[in-house]
Amino acid sequence: MLDILSNGNNPVKVDEYLGNCFDGLKCLKFLKEGPEPFKTALGMYSKDGDEYVDFLTPFIANGAVENYLCDLEAKMMTTLKDILDLAKETADEWEVSKKREFWLEDYNAQISLLATQILWTEETQRAFDELEGGSESAMKDYLTVTNSRILALIERVRQDLSGELRIKIITIITIDVHERDVVEMFVARKIIDSGAF
């Protein structure tokens, strides 16, 4: 804490301690141009250092360290929110433009997983709406879609991939299987009331 406060005017020195301040963050990528100390950050690295996320606009660490660390927290949240909005928008086009097993390469693991779960929730609710509207096979049809997406990810993970991408795909497969089991249970029990969801 004392080291952070004493080096507050030098964000690169404070950067060494960001992993202790923020869960999941290792450090920032600073623009190292102009006079030192460098104060402009372009993005952030994950705790394990495998993933990097660009800030949509550069972050400038100005003022007292306790203030710019609060500003950094807000910057990280708005950056991830904006990227999630884009990921969700592009996820809606999985069947049209970019298949999910390739789409997930465009986003970090947290965003890929969250967008996938949001879409699953929406699609499951849509299947319930269709059931209530009279389509008797809506949930069975959605189960087929869910199974085909899992199979596509399994085929992808069998290929030569980076360690980071392999872990991301395996994580999403694991969550997909749990979600598939829920949909399968709805089908097996012939549940048509969305209140059960």
N, C-alpha and C. Protein backbone atom coordinates (compact mmCIF):
# COMPACT_ATOMS: atom_id res chain seq x y z
N MET A 1 0.83 -1.19 0.00
CA MET A 1 0.00 0.00 0.00
C MET A 1 0.87 1.25 0.00
N LEU A 2 1.90 1.24 0.84
CA LEU A 2 2.79 2.40 0.90
C LEU A 2 3.52 2.59 -0.41
N ASP A 3 3.91 1.48 -1.03
CA ASP A 3 4.62 1.55 -2.32
C ASP A 3 3.71 2.14 -3.39
N ILE A 4 2.43 1.73 -3.38
CA ILE A 4 1.47 2.28 -4.35
C ILE A 4 1.31 3.78 -4.14
N LEU A 5 1.11 4.19 -2.91
CA LEU A 5 0.92 5.62 -2.61
C LEU A 5 2.17 6.43 -2.92
N SER A 6 3.34 5.90 -2.60
CA SER A 6 4.57 6.66 -2.85
C SER A 6 4.91 6.75 -4.33
N ASN A 7 4.40 5.82 -5.14
CA ASN A 7 4.66 5.85 -6.59
C ASN A 7 3.43 6.26 -7.37
N GLY A 8 2.49 6.91 -6.72
CA GLY A 8 1.22 7.29 -7.35
C GLY A 8 1.38 8.11 -8.61
N ASN A 9 2.47 8.88 -8.72
CA ASN A 9 2.68 9.71 -9.92
C ASN A 9 3.31 8.92 -11.06
N ASN A 10 3.63 7.65 -10.82
CA ASN A 10 4.24 6.82 -11.84
C ASN A 10 3.37 5.56 -12.04
N PRO A 11 2.37 5.66 -12.91
CA PRO A 11 1.44 4.54 -13.10
C PRO A 11 2.11 3.22 -13.49
N VAL A 12 3.26 3.26 -14.16
CA VAL A 12 3.95 2.02 -14.53
C VAL A 12 4.43 1.29 -13.27
N LYS A 13 4.88 2.03 -12.28
CA LYS A 13 5.30 1.41 -11.00
C LYS A 13 4.09 0.85 -10.25
N VAL A 14 2.98 1.58 -10.26
CA VAL A 14 1.75 1.13 -9.61
C VAL A 14 1.22 -0.12 -10.31
N ASP A 15 1.47 -0.21 -11.61
CA ASP A 15 0.99 -1.34 -12.43
C ASP A 15 1.43 -2.68 -11.86
N GLU A 16 2.59 -2.71 -11.21
CA GLU A 16 3.11 -3.95 -10.63
C GLU A 16 2.17 -4.52 -9.57
N TYR A 17 1.33 -3.68 -8.98
CA TYR A 17 0.47 -4.08 -7.87
C TYR A 17 -1.00 -4.23 -8.27
N LEU A 18 -1.32 -4.00 -9.53
CA LEU A 18 -2.73 -4.06 -9.95
C LEU A 18 -3.35 -5.43 -9.74
N GLY A 19 -2.55 -6.47 -9.87
CA GLY A 19 -3.04 -7.83 -9.63
C GLY A 19 -3.51 -8.03 -8.20
N ASN A 20 -2.97 -7.24 -7.27
CA ASN A 20 -3.40 -7.32 -5.87
C ASN A 20 -4.64 -6.47 -5.62
N CYS A 21 -4.88 -5.52 -6.50
CA CYS A 21 -6.02 -4.60 -6.33
C CYS A 21 -7.28 -5.08 -7.05
N PHE A 22 -7.11 -5.76 -8.18
CA PHE A 22 -8.24 -6.16 -9.01
C PHE A 22 -8.15 -7.65 -9.33
N ASP A 23 -9.20 -8.38 -9.02
CA ASP A 23 -9.25 -9.80 -9.31
C ASP A 23 -9.34 -10.01 -10.82
N GLY A 24 -8.51 -10.88 -11.34
CA GLY A 24 -8.57 -11.19 -12.77
C GLY A 24 -7.68 -10.30 -13.63
N LEU A 25 -7.10 -9.26 -13.05
CA LEU A 25 -6.25 -8.34 -13.82
C LEU A 25 -4.80 -8.53 -13.41
N LYS A 26 -3.91 -8.65 -14.38
CA LYS A 26 -2.49 -8.75 -14.08
C LYS A 26 -1.83 -7.38 -14.17
N CYS A 27 -2.01 -6.75 -15.33
CA CYS A 27 -1.37 -5.46 -15.55
C CYS A 27 -1.99 -4.77 -16.76
N LEU A 28 -1.52 -3.56 -17.01
CA LEU A 28 -1.99 -2.78 -18.15
C LEU A 28 -0.92 -2.75 -19.23
N LYS A 29 -1.34 -2.46 -20.44
CA LYS A 29 -0.39 -2.23 -21.54
C LYS A 29 -0.29 -0.73 -21.71
N PHE A 30 0.88 -0.18 -21.44
CA PHE A 30 1.08 1.26 -21.51
C PHE A 30 1.65 1.67 -22.86
N LEU A 31 1.23 2.82 -23.32
CA LEU A 31 1.81 3.45 -24.50
C LEU A 31 3.11 4.07 -24.04
N LYS A 32 4.23 3.53 -24.52
CA LYS A 32 5.54 3.99 -24.04
C LYS A 32 6.16 4.94 -25.04
N GLU A 33 5.50 6.08 -25.18
CA GLU A 33 5.99 7.15 -26.05
C GLU A 33 6.00 8.44 -25.25
N GLY A 34 6.91 9.33 -25.60
CA GLY A 34 6.96 10.61 -24.91
C GLY A 34 7.73 10.50 -23.61
N PRO A 35 7.65 11.56 -22.82
CA PRO A 35 8.43 11.58 -21.57
C PRO A 35 7.84 10.65 -20.52
N GLU A 36 8.73 10.13 -19.67
CA GLU A 36 8.27 9.32 -18.54
C GLU A 36 7.82 10.25 -17.43
N PRO A 37 6.96 9.85 -16.56
CA PRO A 37 6.33 8.54 -16.46
C PRO A 37 5.20 8.38 -17.49
N PHE A 38 5.09 7.17 -18.01
CA PHE A 38 4.04 6.88 -18.98
C PHE A 38 2.70 6.77 -18.24
N LYS A 39 1.68 7.43 -18.79
CA LYS A 39 0.39 7.47 -18.10
C LYS A 39 -0.78 6.98 -18.95
N THR A 40 -0.53 6.66 -20.21
CA THR A 40 -1.61 6.24 -21.10
C THR A 40 -1.61 4.72 -21.26
N ALA A 41 -2.71 4.08 -20.86
CA ALA A 41 -2.85 2.63 -20.99
C ALA A 41 -3.76 2.32 -22.16
N LEU A 42 -3.39 1.33 -22.94
CA LEU A 42 -4.13 0.94 -24.13
C LEU A 42 -5.05 -0.26 -23.91
N GLY A 43 -4.76 -1.06 -22.87
CA GLY A 43 -5.56 -2.25 -22.62
C GLY A 43 -5.11 -2.94 -21.36
N MET A 44 -5.68 -4.14 -21.13
CA MET A 44 -5.40 -4.87 -19.89
C MET A 44 -5.14 -6.34 -20.17
N TYR A 45 -4.26 -6.93 -19.34
CA TYR A 45 -3.92 -8.35 -19.43
C TYR A 45 -4.60 -9.10 -18.29
N SER A 46 -5.04 -10.31 -18.59
CA SER A 46 -5.68 -11.15 -17.57
C SER A 46 -4.66 -11.59 -16.53
N LYS A 47 -5.17 -12.09 -15.43
CA LYS A 47 -4.32 -12.53 -14.32
C LYS A 47 -3.26 -13.52 -14.76
N ASP A 48 -3.63 -14.46 -15.63
CA ASP A 48 -2.66 -15.45 -16.09
C ASP A 48 -1.82 -14.94 -17.26
N GLY A 49 -2.17 -13.76 -17.77
CA GLY A 49 -1.40 -13.15 -18.84
C GLY A 49 -1.71 -13.68 -20.23
N ASP A 50 -2.62 -14.65 -20.34
CA ASP A 50 -2.93 -15.26 -21.64
C ASP A 50 -3.85 -14.39 -22.49
N GLU A 51 -4.72 -13.63 -21.84
CA GLU A 51 -5.69 -12.84 -22.60
C GLU A 51 -5.40 -11.35 -22.46
N TYR A 52 -5.66 -10.66 -23.55
CA TYR A 52 -5.47 -9.20 -23.58
C TYR A 52 -6.74 -8.58 -24.13
N VAL A 53 -7.18 -7.49 -23.50
CA VAL A 53 -8.37 -6.77 -23.96
C VAL A 53 -7.97 -5.30 -24.18
N ASP A 54 -8.21 -4.83 -25.39
CA ASP A 54 -7.98 -3.40 -25.71
C ASP A 54 -9.05 -2.55 -25.05
N PHE A 55 -8.65 -1.41 -24.48
CA PHE A 55 -9.64 -0.42 -24.09
C PHE A 55 -10.18 0.19 -25.38
N LEU A 56 -11.44 0.53 -25.41
CA LEU A 56 -12.02 1.09 -26.63
C LEU A 56 -11.47 2.49 -26.89
N THR A 57 -11.12 3.19 -25.82
CA THR A 57 -10.39 4.46 -25.91
C THR A 57 -9.29 4.38 -24.87
N PRO A 58 -8.15 5.02 -25.09
CA PRO A 58 -7.05 4.93 -24.13
C PRO A 58 -7.47 5.45 -22.74
N PHE A 59 -6.86 4.86 -21.73
CA PHE A 59 -7.08 5.29 -20.34
C PHE A 59 -5.88 6.09 -19.90
N ILE A 60 -6.13 7.28 -19.37
CA ILE A 60 -5.03 8.14 -18.91
C ILE A 60 -5.08 8.20 -17.38
N ALA A 61 -3.99 7.76 -16.75
CA ALA A 61 -3.89 7.72 -15.30
C ALA A 61 -3.35 9.05 -14.79
N ASN A 62 -4.27 9.96 -14.52
CA ASN A 62 -3.90 11.30 -14.03
C ASN A 62 -4.43 11.51 -12.64
N GLY A 63 -3.77 12.37 -11.90
CA GLY A 63 -4.25 12.75 -10.58
C GLY A 63 -3.75 11.81 -9.50
N ALA A 64 -4.43 11.86 -8.36
CA ALA A 64 -4.06 11.03 -7.23
C ALA A 64 -4.32 9.56 -7.55
N VAL A 65 -3.43 8.68 -7.08
CA VAL A 65 -3.52 7.26 -7.40
C VAL A 65 -4.86 6.66 -6.95
N GLU A 66 -5.37 7.07 -5.80
CA GLU A 66 -6.64 6.52 -5.32
C GLU A 66 -7.80 6.92 -6.23
N ASN A 67 -7.68 8.06 -6.90
CA ASN A 67 -8.71 8.49 -7.84
C ASN A 67 -8.59 7.77 -9.18
N TYR A 68 -7.37 7.69 -9.71
CA TYR A 68 -7.28 7.06 -11.02
C TYR A 68 -7.46 5.55 -10.95
N LEU A 69 -7.24 4.93 -9.80
CA LEU A 69 -7.56 3.51 -9.68
C LEU A 69 -9.07 3.29 -9.70
N CYS A 70 -9.82 4.21 -9.11
CA CYS A 70 -11.29 4.14 -9.21
C CYS A 70 -11.74 4.35 -10.65
N ASP A 71 -11.09 5.30 -11.33
CA ASP A 71 -11.40 5.55 -12.74
C ASP A 71 -11.04 4.32 -13.60
N LEU A 72 -9.94 3.66 -13.25
CA LEU A 72 -9.54 2.45 -13.97
C LEU A 72 -10.59 1.35 -13.80
N GLU A 73 -11.10 1.20 -12.60
CA GLU A 73 -12.14 0.20 -12.36
C GLU A 73 -13.36 0.47 -13.23
N ALA A 74 -13.77 1.74 -13.30
CA ALA A 74 -14.91 2.12 -14.14
C ALA A 74 -14.59 1.87 -15.61
N LYS A 75 -13.36 2.15 -16.02
CA LYS A 75 -12.94 1.93 -17.41
C LYS A 75 -13.00 0.45 -17.78
N MET A 76 -12.54 -0.40 -16.87
CA MET A 76 -12.57 -1.84 -17.13
C MET A 76 -14.02 -2.32 -17.28
N MET A 77 -14.89 -1.85 -16.40
CA MET A 77 -16.29 -2.28 -16.46
C MET A 77 -16.98 -1.80 -17.73
N THR A 78 -16.79 -0.54 -18.10
CA THR A 78 -17.45 -0.04 -19.31
C THR A 78 -16.88 -0.70 -20.56
N THR A 79 -15.58 -0.97 -20.56
CA THR A 79 -14.97 -1.65 -21.71
C THR A 79 -15.59 -3.04 -21.89
N LEU A 80 -15.66 -3.82 -20.81
CA LEU A 80 -16.21 -5.16 -20.91
C LEU A 80 -17.70 -5.14 -21.25
N LYS A 81 -18.42 -4.16 -20.73
CA LYS A 81 -19.85 -4.03 -21.05
C LYS A 81 -20.04 -3.74 -22.54
N ASP A 82 -19.25 -2.80 -23.07
CA ASP A 82 -19.36 -2.46 -24.49
C ASP A 82 -18.98 -3.64 -25.38
N ILE A 83 -17.94 -4.38 -24.99
CA ILE A 83 -17.54 -5.55 -25.77
C ILE A 83 -18.62 -6.63 -25.68
N LEU A 84 -19.23 -6.78 -24.49
CA LEU A 84 -20.32 -7.75 -24.34
C LEU A 84 -21.50 -7.39 -25.24
N ASP A 85 -21.83 -6.10 -25.31
CA ASP A 85 -22.93 -5.68 -26.19
C ASP A 85 -22.64 -6.08 -27.64
N LEU A 86 -21.41 -5.87 -28.08
CA LEU A 86 -21.01 -6.24 -29.44
C LEU A 86 -21.04 -7.77 -29.61
N ALA A 87 -20.53 -8.49 -28.61
CA ALA A 87 -20.52 -9.96 -28.69
C ALA A 87 -21.93 -10.51 -28.77
N LYS A 88 -22.83 -9.96 -27.99
CA LYS A 88 -24.22 -10.41 -28.01
C LYS A 88 -24.85 -10.13 -29.37
N GLU A 89 -24.57 -8.95 -29.90
CA GLU A 89 -25.11 -8.58 -31.21
C GLU A 89 -24.62 -9.54 -32.30
N THR A 90 -23.33 -9.88 -32.27
CA THR A 90 -22.79 -10.78 -33.28
C THR A 90 -23.20 -12.23 -33.01
N ALA A 91 -23.45 -12.58 -31.73
CA ALA A 91 -23.90 -13.93 -31.40
C ALA A 91 -25.28 -14.20 -31.99
N ASP A 92 -26.09 -13.18 -32.11
CA ASP A 92 -27.41 -13.34 -32.71
C ASP A 92 -27.32 -13.79 -34.17
N GLU A 93 -26.13 -13.67 -34.76
CA GLU A 93 -25.92 -14.01 -36.18
C GLU A 93 -25.14 -15.32 -36.36
N TRP A 94 -25.04 -16.15 -35.31
CA TRP A 94 -24.28 -17.39 -35.41
C TRP A 94 -24.68 -18.25 -36.60
N GLU A 95 -25.93 -18.34 -36.85
CA GLU A 95 -26.40 -19.22 -37.91
C GLU A 95 -26.28 -18.58 -39.29
N VAL A 96 -25.99 -17.29 -39.33
CA VAL A 96 -25.97 -16.56 -40.59
C VAL A 96 -24.55 -16.23 -41.06
N SER A 97 -23.79 -15.56 -40.20
CA SER A 97 -22.50 -15.07 -40.67
C SER A 97 -21.30 -15.85 -40.14
N LYS A 98 -21.15 -15.94 -38.83
CA LYS A 98 -19.98 -16.61 -38.27
C LYS A 98 -20.42 -17.64 -37.24
N LYS A 99 -20.13 -18.89 -37.51
CA LYS A 99 -20.51 -19.97 -36.60
C LYS A 99 -19.87 -19.75 -35.23
N ARG A 100 -20.57 -20.18 -34.21
CA ARG A 100 -20.13 -19.94 -32.84
C ARG A 100 -18.74 -20.50 -32.55
N GLU A 101 -18.41 -21.66 -33.10
CA GLU A 101 -17.11 -22.26 -32.82
C GLU A 101 -15.94 -21.43 -33.35
N PHE A 102 -16.22 -20.48 -34.25
CA PHE A 102 -15.20 -19.55 -34.73
C PHE A 102 -15.43 -18.15 -34.15
N TRP A 103 -16.68 -17.80 -33.90
CA TRP A 103 -17.04 -16.52 -33.31
C TRP A 103 -16.32 -16.28 -31.99
N LEU A 104 -16.20 -17.33 -31.17
CA LEU A 104 -15.62 -17.16 -29.84
C LEU A 104 -14.15 -16.75 -29.86
N GLU A 105 -13.50 -16.87 -30.99
CA GLU A 105 -12.11 -16.42 -31.11
C GLU A 105 -12.01 -14.89 -31.04
N ASP A 106 -13.11 -14.20 -31.35
CA ASP A 106 -13.10 -12.74 -31.40
C ASP A 106 -13.22 -12.08 -30.03
N TYR A 107 -13.47 -12.88 -28.99
CA TYR A 107 -13.74 -12.32 -27.67
C TYR A 107 -12.98 -13.09 -26.60
N ASN A 108 -12.70 -12.41 -25.50
CA ASN A 108 -12.03 -13.11 -24.40
C ASN A 108 -12.99 -14.12 -23.78
N ALA A 109 -12.46 -15.00 -22.94
CA ALA A 109 -13.25 -16.12 -22.41
C ALA A 109 -14.47 -15.65 -21.63
N GLN A 110 -14.29 -14.66 -20.77
CA GLN A 110 -15.41 -14.17 -19.96
C GLN A 110 -16.56 -13.68 -20.82
N ILE A 111 -16.25 -12.92 -21.84
CA ILE A 111 -17.28 -12.36 -22.72
C ILE A 111 -17.91 -13.46 -23.57
N SER A 112 -17.10 -14.37 -24.10
CA SER A 112 -17.64 -15.47 -24.91
C SER A 112 -18.62 -16.31 -24.12
N LEU A 113 -18.25 -16.63 -22.89
CA LEU A 113 -19.11 -17.45 -22.05
C LEU A 113 -20.39 -16.72 -21.67
N LEU A 114 -20.26 -15.46 -21.29
CA LEU A 114 -21.44 -14.70 -20.88
C LEU A 114 -22.41 -14.48 -22.03
N ALA A 115 -21.90 -14.12 -23.20
CA ALA A 115 -22.77 -13.93 -24.36
C ALA A 115 -23.47 -15.23 -24.73
N THR A 116 -22.74 -16.35 -24.63
CA THR A 116 -23.33 -17.65 -24.90
C THR A 116 -24.47 -17.95 -23.94
N GLN A 117 -24.27 -17.65 -22.66
CA GLN A 117 -25.30 -17.92 -21.67
C GLN A 117 -26.52 -17.01 -21.83
N ILE A 118 -26.27 -15.77 -22.20
CA ILE A 118 -27.40 -14.85 -22.45
C ILE A 118 -28.24 -15.37 -23.62
N LEU A 119 -27.55 -15.76 -24.69
CA LEU A 119 -28.28 -16.25 -25.86
C LEU A 119 -29.04 -17.54 -25.54
N TRP A 120 -28.43 -18.44 -24.77
CA TRP A 120 -29.12 -19.67 -24.38
C TRP A 120 -30.39 -19.35 -23.59
N THR A 121 -30.30 -18.40 -22.67
CA THR A 121 -31.47 -18.02 -21.88
C THR A 121 -32.58 -17.47 -22.77
N GLU A 122 -32.20 -16.60 -23.71
CA GLU A 122 -33.19 -16.02 -24.63
C GLU A 122 -33.82 -17.09 -25.51
N GLU A 123 -32.99 -18.00 -26.03
CA GLU A 123 -33.50 -19.03 -26.93
C GLU A 123 -34.39 -20.03 -26.19
N THR A 124 -34.03 -20.35 -24.95
CA THR A 124 -34.87 -21.26 -24.17
C THR A 124 -36.22 -20.60 -23.88
N GLN A 125 -36.19 -19.33 -23.53
CA GLN A 125 -37.44 -18.61 -23.28
C GLN A 125 -38.28 -18.55 -24.57
N ARG A 126 -37.61 -18.35 -25.70
CA ARG A 126 -38.32 -18.32 -26.98
C ARG A 126 -38.98 -19.67 -27.27
N ALA A 127 -38.28 -20.76 -26.93
CA ALA A 127 -38.87 -22.09 -27.12
C ALA A 127 -40.12 -22.26 -26.25
N PHE A 128 -40.08 -21.75 -25.03
CA PHE A 128 -41.27 -21.80 -24.17
C PHE A 128 -42.40 -20.97 -24.77
N ASP A 129 -42.05 -19.80 -25.29
CA ASP A 129 -43.07 -18.94 -25.92
C ASP A 129 -43.73 -19.67 -27.09
N GLU A 130 -42.91 -20.36 -27.89
CA GLU A 130 -43.44 -21.10 -29.03
C GLU A 130 -44.31 -22.28 -28.57
N LEU A 131 -43.91 -22.93 -27.47
CA LEU A 131 -44.73 -24.01 -26.91
C LEU A 131 -46.09 -23.48 -26.49
N GLU A 132 -46.08 -22.35 -25.80
CA GLU A 132 -47.33 -21.74 -25.35
C GLU A 132 -48.17 -21.26 -26.53
N GLY A 133 -47.48 -20.98 -27.65
CA GLY A 133 -48.19 -20.55 -28.85
C GLY A 133 -48.72 -21.70 -29.68
N GLY A 134 -48.46 -22.94 -29.24
CA GLY A 134 -49.02 -24.08 -29.95
C GLY A 134 -48.02 -24.96 -30.69
N SER A 135 -46.76 -24.58 -30.75
CA SER A 135 -45.76 -25.41 -31.43
C SER A 135 -45.30 -26.51 -30.48
N GLU A 136 -45.77 -27.71 -30.69
CA GLU A 136 -45.51 -28.82 -29.78
C GLU A 136 -44.06 -29.29 -29.81
N SER A 137 -43.34 -29.01 -30.89
CA SER A 137 -41.97 -29.51 -31.02
C SER A 137 -40.91 -28.44 -30.75
N ALA A 138 -41.30 -27.29 -30.28
CA ALA A 138 -40.35 -26.18 -30.12
C ALA A 138 -39.18 -26.53 -29.22
N MET A 139 -39.43 -27.13 -28.07
CA MET A 139 -38.33 -27.46 -27.15
C MET A 139 -37.48 -28.59 -27.69
N LYS A 140 -38.09 -29.57 -28.36
CA LYS A 140 -37.33 -30.66 -28.98
C LYS A 140 -36.43 -30.10 -30.08
N ASP A 141 -36.97 -29.17 -30.86
CA ASP A 141 -36.18 -28.55 -31.93
C ASP A 141 -35.00 -27.78 -31.35
N TYR A 142 -35.25 -27.10 -30.23
CA TYR A 142 -34.15 -26.35 -29.60
C TYR A 142 -33.11 -27.30 -29.01
N LEU A 143 -33.54 -28.44 -28.50
CA LEU A 143 -32.59 -29.44 -28.01
C LEU A 143 -31.68 -29.92 -29.14
N THR A 144 -32.24 -30.08 -30.32
CA THR A 144 -31.45 -30.47 -31.49
C THR A 144 -30.40 -29.41 -31.81
N VAL A 145 -30.80 -28.14 -31.76
CA VAL A 145 -29.86 -27.03 -32.01
C VAL A 145 -28.74 -27.04 -30.96
N THR A 146 -29.11 -27.22 -29.71
CA THR A 146 -28.13 -27.23 -28.63
C THR A 146 -27.13 -28.37 -28.82
N ASN A 147 -27.62 -29.55 -29.15
CA ASN A 147 -26.72 -30.69 -29.39
C ASN A 147 -25.79 -30.44 -30.57
N SER A 148 -26.30 -29.85 -31.63
CA SER A 148 -25.44 -29.60 -32.80
C SER A 148 -24.35 -28.58 -32.48
N ARG A 149 -24.67 -27.60 -31.63
CA ARG A 149 -23.64 -26.61 -31.24
C ARG A 149 -22.56 -27.26 -30.39
N ILE A 150 -22.95 -28.16 -29.51
CA ILE A 150 -21.96 -28.87 -28.70
C ILE A 150 -21.05 -29.72 -29.59
N LEU A 151 -21.64 -30.43 -30.54
CA LEU A 151 -20.86 -31.26 -31.45
C LEU A 151 -19.88 -30.42 -32.28
N ALA A 152 -20.31 -29.24 -32.70
CA ALA A 152 -19.42 -28.36 -33.47
C ALA A 152 -18.23 -27.92 -32.62
N LEU A 153 -18.47 -27.63 -31.35
CA LEU A 153 -17.37 -27.25 -30.45
C LEU A 153 -16.44 -28.43 -30.20
N ILE A 154 -17.00 -29.62 -30.07
CA ILE A 154 -16.17 -30.81 -29.87
C ILE A 154 -15.27 -31.04 -31.07
N GLU A 155 -15.83 -30.89 -32.27
CA GLU A 155 -15.01 -31.02 -33.49
C GLU A 155 -13.89 -29.98 -33.50
N ARG A 156 -14.21 -28.77 -33.08
CA ARG A 156 -13.21 -27.69 -33.08
C ARG A 156 -12.10 -27.96 -32.07
N VAL A 157 -12.44 -28.48 -30.89
CA VAL A 157 -11.43 -28.69 -29.85
C VAL A 157 -10.49 -29.84 -30.21
N ARG A 158 -10.89 -30.67 -31.16
CA ARG A 158 -10.03 -31.77 -31.62
C ARG A 158 -8.94 -31.29 -32.57
N GLN A 159 -9.02 -30.04 -33.00
CA GLN A 159 -8.04 -29.49 -33.93
C GLN A 159 -6.83 -28.96 -33.17
N ASP A 160 -5.83 -28.58 -33.91
CA ASP A 160 -4.62 -28.00 -33.32
C ASP A 160 -4.93 -26.55 -32.93
N LEU A 161 -5.00 -26.27 -31.63
CA LEU A 161 -5.39 -24.95 -31.13
C LEU A 161 -4.37 -24.46 -30.12
N SER A 162 -4.38 -23.16 -29.89
CA SER A 162 -3.56 -22.61 -28.80
C SER A 162 -4.15 -23.08 -27.47
N GLY A 163 -3.34 -23.10 -26.44
CA GLY A 163 -3.80 -23.51 -25.13
C GLY A 163 -4.94 -22.66 -24.62
N GLU A 164 -4.85 -21.37 -24.85
CA GLU A 164 -5.89 -20.43 -24.41
C GLU A 164 -7.23 -20.73 -25.08
N LEU A 165 -7.20 -20.92 -26.40
CA LEU A 165 -8.43 -21.20 -27.13
C LEU A 165 -9.01 -22.56 -26.74
N ARG A 166 -8.15 -23.54 -26.54
CA ARG A 166 -8.61 -24.87 -26.13
C ARG A 166 -9.33 -24.80 -24.78
N ILE A 167 -8.77 -24.09 -23.82
CA ILE A 167 -9.39 -23.97 -22.50
C ILE A 167 -10.73 -23.24 -22.62
N LYS A 168 -10.77 -22.20 -23.43
CA LYS A 168 -12.02 -21.46 -23.63
C LYS A 168 -13.11 -22.36 -24.20
N ILE A 169 -12.78 -23.13 -25.21
CA ILE A 169 -13.77 -24.01 -25.84
C ILE A 169 -14.22 -25.10 -24.87
N ILE A 170 -13.29 -25.69 -24.13
CA ILE A 170 -13.64 -26.74 -23.17
C ILE A 170 -14.56 -26.18 -22.09
N THR A 171 -14.29 -24.97 -21.64
CA THR A 171 -15.15 -24.33 -20.63
C THR A 171 -16.55 -24.14 -21.17
N ILE A 172 -16.66 -23.65 -22.40
CA ILE A 172 -17.98 -23.42 -23.00
C ILE A 172 -18.69 -24.75 -23.24
N ILE A 173 -17.97 -25.79 -23.64
CA ILE A 173 -18.59 -27.11 -23.81
C ILE A 173 -19.18 -27.57 -22.48
N THR A 174 -18.43 -27.40 -21.40
CA THR A 174 -18.91 -27.82 -20.08
C THR A 174 -20.21 -27.12 -19.71
N ILE A 175 -20.26 -25.82 -19.91
CA ILE A 175 -21.47 -25.05 -19.60
C ILE A 175 -22.60 -25.45 -20.55
N ASP A 176 -22.27 -25.65 -21.84
CA ASP A 176 -23.27 -26.08 -22.83
C ASP A 176 -23.92 -27.41 -22.43
N VAL A 177 -23.12 -28.34 -21.92
CA VAL A 177 -23.66 -29.64 -21.53
C VAL A 177 -24.65 -29.47 -20.38
N HIS A 178 -24.32 -28.63 -19.43
CA HIS A 178 -25.27 -28.37 -18.33
C HIS A 178 -26.55 -27.73 -18.86
N GLU A 179 -26.41 -26.78 -19.77
CA GLU A 179 -27.59 -26.13 -20.35
C GLU A 179 -28.41 -27.12 -21.18
N ARG A 180 -27.72 -27.97 -21.93
CA ARG A 180 -28.40 -29.00 -22.72
C ARG A 180 -29.19 -29.93 -21.82
N ASP A 181 -28.60 -30.28 -20.67
CA ASP A 181 -29.29 -31.17 -19.73
C ASP A 181 -30.57 -30.54 -19.20
N VAL A 182 -30.55 -29.23 -19.02
CA VAL A 182 -31.77 -28.53 -18.57
C VAL A 182 -32.84 -28.61 -19.65
N VAL A 183 -32.47 -28.32 -20.88
CA VAL A 183 -33.43 -28.38 -22.00
C VAL A 183 -33.94 -29.81 -22.17
N GLU A 184 -33.04 -30.78 -22.06
CA GLU A 184 -33.43 -32.18 -22.18
C GLU A 184 -34.44 -32.57 -21.09
N MET A 185 -34.24 -32.04 -19.89
CA MET A 185 -35.17 -32.31 -18.80
C MET A 185 -36.55 -31.70 -19.11
N PHE A 186 -36.56 -30.49 -19.70
CA PHE A 186 -37.84 -29.88 -20.09
C PHE A 186 -38.57 -30.77 -21.09
N VAL A 187 -37.82 -31.32 -22.04
CA VAL A 187 -38.41 -32.19 -23.06
C VAL A 187 -38.92 -33.49 -22.42
N ALA A 188 -38.07 -34.12 -21.61
CA ALA A 188 -38.43 -35.42 -21.01
C ALA A 188 -39.65 -35.32 -20.11
N ARG A 189 -39.74 -34.20 -19.39
CA ARG A 189 -40.87 -34.04 -18.46
C ARG A 189 -42.06 -33.33 -19.10
N LYS A 190 -41.90 -32.99 -20.37
CA LYS A 190 -42.96 -32.32 -21.12
C LYS A 190 -43.42 -31.02 -20.42
N ILE A 191 -42.43 -30.27 -19.96
CA ILE A 191 -42.72 -29.01 -19.28
C ILE A 191 -42.99 -27.93 -20.34
N ILE A 192 -44.13 -27.28 -20.22
CA ILE A 192 -44.48 -26.24 -21.19
C ILE A 192 -44.67 -24.87 -20.54
N ASP A 193 -44.61 -24.82 -19.21
CA ASP A 193 -44.79 -23.57 -18.47
C ASP A 193 -43.44 -22.89 -18.30
N SER A 194 -43.29 -21.70 -18.84
CA SER A 194 -42.01 -20.98 -18.75
C SER A 194 -41.67 -20.62 -17.31
N GLY A 195 -42.65 -20.67 -16.41
CA GLY A 195 -42.37 -20.42 -15.00
C GLY A 195 -41.45 -21.46 -14.40
N ALA A 196 -41.38 -22.64 -15.01
CA ALA A 196 -40.47 -23.68 -14.55
C ALA A 196 -39.02 -23.35 -14.89
N PHE A 197 -38.82 -22.43 -15.81
CA PHE A 197 -37.48 -22.03 -16.24
C PHE A 197 -36.96 -20.98 -15.29
